[in-house]
Amino acid sequence: MMPRETNRSTRFEARLAPDVLAVIKRAAELQGRSLSDFVVAAAQEMAQRTIEENNILRLSVEDQRRFVDLLINPPEINPALQRAAQAHAELIQSS
């Protein structure tokens, strides 16, 4: 978990249904935190998890096997790929 920042300078507001607020307050109390501290920590944790999950590529076992097989035994280069490689090389050389 990331260290808590003590110098807060931005305000964030949200409208909550009373039952949602009650649940969040109860959870904050159980952790001995203020409502603000609890909400910020929970949001930060969820944001970090979301970022990490979007940076990880998950493949099924079948897709993993296919991926490795293609790395070990790549298909022959077709004419379209050859043209693309040539166009890329020319673009890079002209830059």
N, C-alpha and C. Protein backbone atom coordinates (compact mmCIF):
# COMPACT_ATOMS: atom_id res chain seq x y z
N MET A 1 0.85 -1.17 0.00
CA MET A 1 0.00 0.00 0.00
C MET A 1 0.89 1.23 0.00
N MET A 2 0.48 2.27 -0.67
CA MET A 2 1.26 3.49 -0.79
C MET A 2 1.15 4.31 0.49
N PRO A 3 2.22 5.05 0.83
CA PRO A 3 2.15 5.88 2.03
C PRO A 3 1.08 6.96 1.89
N ARG A 4 0.49 7.30 3.01
CA ARG A 4 -0.54 8.35 3.01
C ARG A 4 0.10 9.71 2.86
N GLU A 5 -0.49 10.52 2.04
CA GLU A 5 0.01 11.87 1.83
C GLU A 5 -0.60 12.78 2.89
N THR A 6 0.25 13.55 3.56
CA THR A 6 -0.25 14.41 4.63
C THR A 6 -0.58 15.81 4.13
N ASN A 7 -0.03 16.23 3.00
CA ASN A 7 -0.27 17.56 2.47
C ASN A 7 -1.33 17.50 1.39
N ARG A 8 -2.58 17.52 1.80
CA ARG A 8 -3.68 17.42 0.84
C ARG A 8 -4.08 18.81 0.38
N SER A 9 -4.25 18.95 -0.94
CA SER A 9 -4.57 20.28 -1.45
C SER A 9 -5.76 20.31 -2.39
N THR A 10 -6.31 19.17 -2.75
CA THR A 10 -7.43 19.13 -3.67
C THR A 10 -8.65 18.53 -2.98
N ARG A 11 -9.76 19.14 -3.21
CA ARG A 11 -11.01 18.67 -2.61
C ARG A 11 -11.76 17.84 -3.63
N PHE A 12 -12.41 16.78 -3.16
CA PHE A 12 -13.21 15.89 -4.00
C PHE A 12 -14.54 15.70 -3.30
N GLU A 13 -15.62 15.86 -4.04
CA GLU A 13 -16.95 15.68 -3.46
C GLU A 13 -17.70 14.61 -4.22
N ALA A 14 -18.60 13.93 -3.53
CA ALA A 14 -19.43 12.91 -4.17
C ALA A 14 -20.78 12.87 -3.47
N ARG A 15 -21.80 12.62 -4.23
CA ARG A 15 -23.14 12.45 -3.67
C ARG A 15 -23.38 10.97 -3.47
N LEU A 16 -23.82 10.61 -2.28
CA LEU A 16 -24.03 9.21 -1.94
C LEU A 16 -25.44 9.00 -1.41
N ALA A 17 -25.96 7.84 -1.71
CA ALA A 17 -27.23 7.45 -1.10
C ALA A 17 -26.97 7.23 0.39
N PRO A 18 -27.95 7.51 1.24
CA PRO A 18 -27.75 7.36 2.68
C PRO A 18 -27.28 5.96 3.10
N ASP A 19 -27.79 4.92 2.45
CA ASP A 19 -27.36 3.56 2.83
C ASP A 19 -25.91 3.31 2.44
N VAL A 20 -25.45 3.88 1.33
CA VAL A 20 -24.04 3.73 0.92
C VAL A 20 -23.15 4.46 1.92
N LEU A 21 -23.54 5.67 2.29
CA LEU A 21 -22.78 6.44 3.27
C LEU A 21 -22.68 5.69 4.59
N ALA A 22 -23.77 5.08 5.02
CA ALA A 22 -23.77 4.33 6.28
C ALA A 22 -22.78 3.17 6.24
N VAL A 23 -22.73 2.47 5.12
CA VAL A 23 -21.80 1.34 4.99
C VAL A 23 -20.36 1.83 5.02
N ILE A 24 -20.08 2.91 4.30
CA ILE A 24 -18.72 3.45 4.27
C ILE A 24 -18.31 3.97 5.65
N LYS A 25 -19.21 4.65 6.33
CA LYS A 25 -18.91 5.13 7.68
C LYS A 25 -18.60 3.98 8.62
N ARG A 26 -19.39 2.92 8.53
CA ARG A 26 -19.18 1.75 9.40
C ARG A 26 -17.82 1.11 9.13
N ALA A 27 -17.47 0.98 7.87
CA ALA A 27 -16.18 0.40 7.51
C ALA A 27 -15.03 1.27 8.01
N ALA A 28 -15.17 2.58 7.88
CA ALA A 28 -14.14 3.51 8.37
C ALA A 28 -13.99 3.38 9.88
N GLU A 29 -15.10 3.28 10.59
CA GLU A 29 -15.06 3.11 12.04
C GLU A 29 -14.35 1.83 12.42
N LEU A 30 -14.63 0.75 11.70
CA LEU A 30 -14.00 -0.54 12.00
C LEU A 30 -12.49 -0.50 11.81
N GLN A 31 -12.03 0.33 10.90
CA GLN A 31 -10.59 0.47 10.68
C GLN A 31 -9.98 1.60 11.51
N GLY A 32 -10.82 2.32 12.26
CA GLY A 32 -10.31 3.40 13.08
C GLY A 32 -9.82 4.58 12.25
N ARG A 33 -10.45 4.81 11.11
CA ARG A 33 -10.05 5.90 10.22
C ARG A 33 -11.17 6.92 10.14
N SER A 34 -10.81 8.11 9.71
CA SER A 34 -11.84 9.09 9.41
C SER A 34 -12.51 8.67 8.11
N LEU A 35 -13.70 9.21 7.89
CA LEU A 35 -14.42 8.89 6.66
C LEU A 35 -13.59 9.30 5.45
N SER A 36 -13.03 10.50 5.47
CA SER A 36 -12.19 10.98 4.36
C SER A 36 -11.00 10.07 4.12
N ASP A 37 -10.29 9.75 5.18
CA ASP A 37 -9.11 8.90 5.05
C ASP A 37 -9.48 7.54 4.48
N PHE A 38 -10.57 6.97 4.95
CA PHE A 38 -11.00 5.67 4.47
C PHE A 38 -11.34 5.72 2.98
N VAL A 39 -12.11 6.72 2.57
CA VAL A 39 -12.53 6.84 1.17
C VAL A 39 -11.32 7.05 0.26
N VAL A 40 -10.41 7.91 0.66
CA VAL A 40 -9.22 8.18 -0.15
C VAL A 40 -8.37 6.91 -0.27
N ALA A 41 -8.16 6.22 0.84
CA ALA A 41 -7.34 5.00 0.81
C ALA A 41 -8.01 3.93 -0.06
N ALA A 42 -9.32 3.76 0.07
CA ALA A 42 -10.03 2.76 -0.74
C ALA A 42 -9.98 3.12 -2.21
N ALA A 43 -10.18 4.38 -2.55
CA ALA A 43 -10.14 4.81 -3.94
C ALA A 43 -8.74 4.64 -4.52
N GLN A 44 -7.74 4.98 -3.74
CA GLN A 44 -6.36 4.86 -4.20
C GLN A 44 -6.01 3.39 -4.44
N GLU A 45 -6.41 2.53 -3.53
CA GLU A 45 -6.15 1.10 -3.66
C GLU A 45 -6.84 0.54 -4.91
N MET A 46 -8.09 0.90 -5.12
CA MET A 46 -8.82 0.42 -6.29
C MET A 46 -8.23 0.98 -7.58
N ALA A 47 -7.81 2.22 -7.55
CA ALA A 47 -7.20 2.82 -8.74
C ALA A 47 -5.90 2.10 -9.09
N GLN A 48 -5.07 1.84 -8.09
CA GLN A 48 -3.81 1.13 -8.33
C GLN A 48 -4.07 -0.27 -8.87
N ARG A 49 -5.03 -0.97 -8.30
CA ARG A 49 -5.37 -2.32 -8.76
C ARG A 49 -5.87 -2.28 -10.20
N THR A 50 -6.70 -1.31 -10.52
CA THR A 50 -7.23 -1.18 -11.88
C THR A 50 -6.11 -0.93 -12.88
N ILE A 51 -5.19 -0.06 -12.53
CA ILE A 51 -4.05 0.23 -13.41
C ILE A 51 -3.20 -1.03 -13.61
N GLU A 52 -2.91 -1.73 -12.53
CA GLU A 52 -2.11 -2.95 -12.63
C GLU A 52 -2.82 -4.01 -13.48
N GLU A 53 -4.11 -4.19 -13.27
CA GLU A 53 -4.86 -5.19 -14.03
C GLU A 53 -4.88 -4.87 -15.52
N ASN A 54 -4.87 -3.59 -15.86
CA ASN A 54 -4.88 -3.21 -17.27
C ASN A 54 -3.51 -3.28 -17.91
N ASN A 55 -2.48 -3.47 -17.11
CA ASN A 55 -1.13 -3.61 -17.64
C ASN A 55 -0.70 -5.07 -17.75
N ILE A 56 -1.57 -5.98 -17.36
CA ILE A 56 -1.26 -7.40 -17.39
C ILE A 56 -2.10 -8.06 -18.47
N LEU A 57 -1.44 -8.81 -19.33
CA LEU A 57 -2.12 -9.54 -20.38
C LEU A 57 -2.40 -10.95 -19.87
N ARG A 58 -3.65 -11.33 -19.85
CA ARG A 58 -4.02 -12.67 -19.39
C ARG A 58 -4.47 -13.50 -20.58
N LEU A 59 -3.88 -14.69 -20.70
CA LEU A 59 -4.21 -15.59 -21.79
C LEU A 59 -4.71 -16.92 -21.23
N SER A 60 -5.61 -17.53 -21.96
CA SER A 60 -6.04 -18.88 -21.59
C SER A 60 -4.86 -19.83 -21.81
N VAL A 61 -4.94 -21.03 -21.27
CA VAL A 61 -3.86 -22.00 -21.44
C VAL A 61 -3.65 -22.28 -22.93
N GLU A 62 -4.74 -22.41 -23.66
CA GLU A 62 -4.64 -22.66 -25.11
C GLU A 62 -3.93 -21.49 -25.80
N ASP A 63 -4.30 -20.26 -25.46
CA ASP A 63 -3.66 -19.09 -26.05
C ASP A 63 -2.19 -18.98 -25.66
N GLN A 64 -1.84 -19.37 -24.43
CA GLN A 64 -0.45 -19.37 -24.00
C GLN A 64 0.37 -20.34 -24.85
N ARG A 65 -0.18 -21.52 -25.05
CA ARG A 65 0.53 -22.52 -25.87
C ARG A 65 0.71 -22.02 -27.30
N ARG A 66 -0.33 -21.43 -27.85
CA ARG A 66 -0.26 -20.92 -29.23
C ARG A 66 0.79 -19.80 -29.31
N PHE A 67 0.80 -18.91 -28.33
CA PHE A 67 1.75 -17.80 -28.30
C PHE A 67 3.19 -18.33 -28.28
N VAL A 68 3.46 -19.26 -27.38
CA VAL A 68 4.81 -19.82 -27.27
C VAL A 68 5.18 -20.56 -28.55
N ASP A 69 4.24 -21.32 -29.09
CA ASP A 69 4.52 -22.05 -30.33
C ASP A 69 4.88 -21.08 -31.46
N LEU A 70 4.16 -19.95 -31.54
CA LEU A 70 4.47 -18.97 -32.58
C LEU A 70 5.83 -18.30 -32.35
N LEU A 71 6.22 -18.15 -31.09
CA LEU A 71 7.55 -17.60 -30.82
C LEU A 71 8.64 -18.59 -31.22
N ILE A 72 8.41 -19.86 -30.91
CA ILE A 72 9.42 -20.89 -31.21
C ILE A 72 9.43 -21.23 -32.70
N ASN A 73 8.25 -21.30 -33.29
CA ASN A 73 8.11 -21.66 -34.70
C ASN A 73 7.33 -20.58 -35.44
N PRO A 74 7.96 -19.43 -35.68
CA PRO A 74 7.21 -18.35 -36.34
C PRO A 74 6.81 -18.74 -37.76
N PRO A 75 5.67 -18.23 -38.21
CA PRO A 75 5.25 -18.53 -39.59
C PRO A 75 6.17 -17.83 -40.58
N GLU A 76 6.14 -18.30 -41.83
CA GLU A 76 6.94 -17.65 -42.86
C GLU A 76 6.42 -16.23 -43.09
N ILE A 77 7.34 -15.37 -43.46
CA ILE A 77 6.96 -13.98 -43.71
C ILE A 77 6.23 -13.92 -45.05
N ASN A 78 5.03 -13.38 -45.03
CA ASN A 78 4.25 -13.28 -46.27
C ASN A 78 4.58 -11.97 -46.99
N PRO A 79 4.18 -11.84 -48.24
CA PRO A 79 4.52 -10.64 -49.02
C PRO A 79 4.03 -9.33 -48.38
N ALA A 80 2.86 -9.34 -47.77
CA ALA A 80 2.35 -8.11 -47.14
C ALA A 80 3.26 -7.68 -45.99
N LEU A 81 3.72 -8.63 -45.20
CA LEU A 81 4.61 -8.31 -44.09
C LEU A 81 5.97 -7.83 -44.61
N GLN A 82 6.43 -8.43 -45.69
CA GLN A 82 7.69 -7.98 -46.29
C GLN A 82 7.58 -6.53 -46.76
N ARG A 83 6.45 -6.19 -47.42
CA ARG A 83 6.24 -4.81 -47.87
C ARG A 83 6.17 -3.85 -46.68
N ALA A 84 5.49 -4.27 -45.63
CA ALA A 84 5.37 -3.43 -44.45
C ALA A 84 6.74 -3.20 -43.81
N ALA A 85 7.55 -4.23 -43.73
CA ALA A 85 8.89 -4.10 -43.15
C ALA A 85 9.74 -3.16 -44.00
N GLN A 86 9.63 -3.29 -45.31
CA GLN A 86 10.39 -2.42 -46.21
C GLN A 86 9.93 -0.96 -46.06
N ALA A 87 8.61 -0.75 -46.00
CA ALA A 87 8.08 0.62 -45.83
C ALA A 87 8.53 1.20 -44.51
N HIS A 88 8.55 0.39 -43.47
CA HIS A 88 9.00 0.85 -42.16
C HIS A 88 10.48 1.24 -42.21
N ALA A 89 11.28 0.39 -42.81
CA ALA A 89 12.72 0.68 -42.92
C ALA A 89 12.97 1.97 -43.68
N GLU A 90 12.22 2.17 -44.76
CA GLU A 90 12.39 3.41 -45.54
C GLU A 90 11.95 4.63 -44.74
N LEU A 91 10.89 4.48 -43.98
CA LEU A 91 10.40 5.58 -43.15
C LEU A 91 11.42 5.96 -42.09
N ILE A 92 12.00 4.96 -41.47
CA ILE A 92 12.99 5.20 -40.41
C ILE A 92 14.25 5.84 -40.99
N GLN A 93 14.69 5.36 -42.16
CA GLN A 93 15.90 5.92 -42.79
C GLN A 93 15.70 7.36 -43.23
N SER A 94 14.48 7.71 -43.63
CA SER A 94 14.23 9.07 -44.11
C SER A 94 14.02 10.06 -42.96
N SER A 95 13.88 9.58 -41.75
CA SER A 95 13.66 10.46 -40.60
C SER A 95 14.93 11.10 -40.13
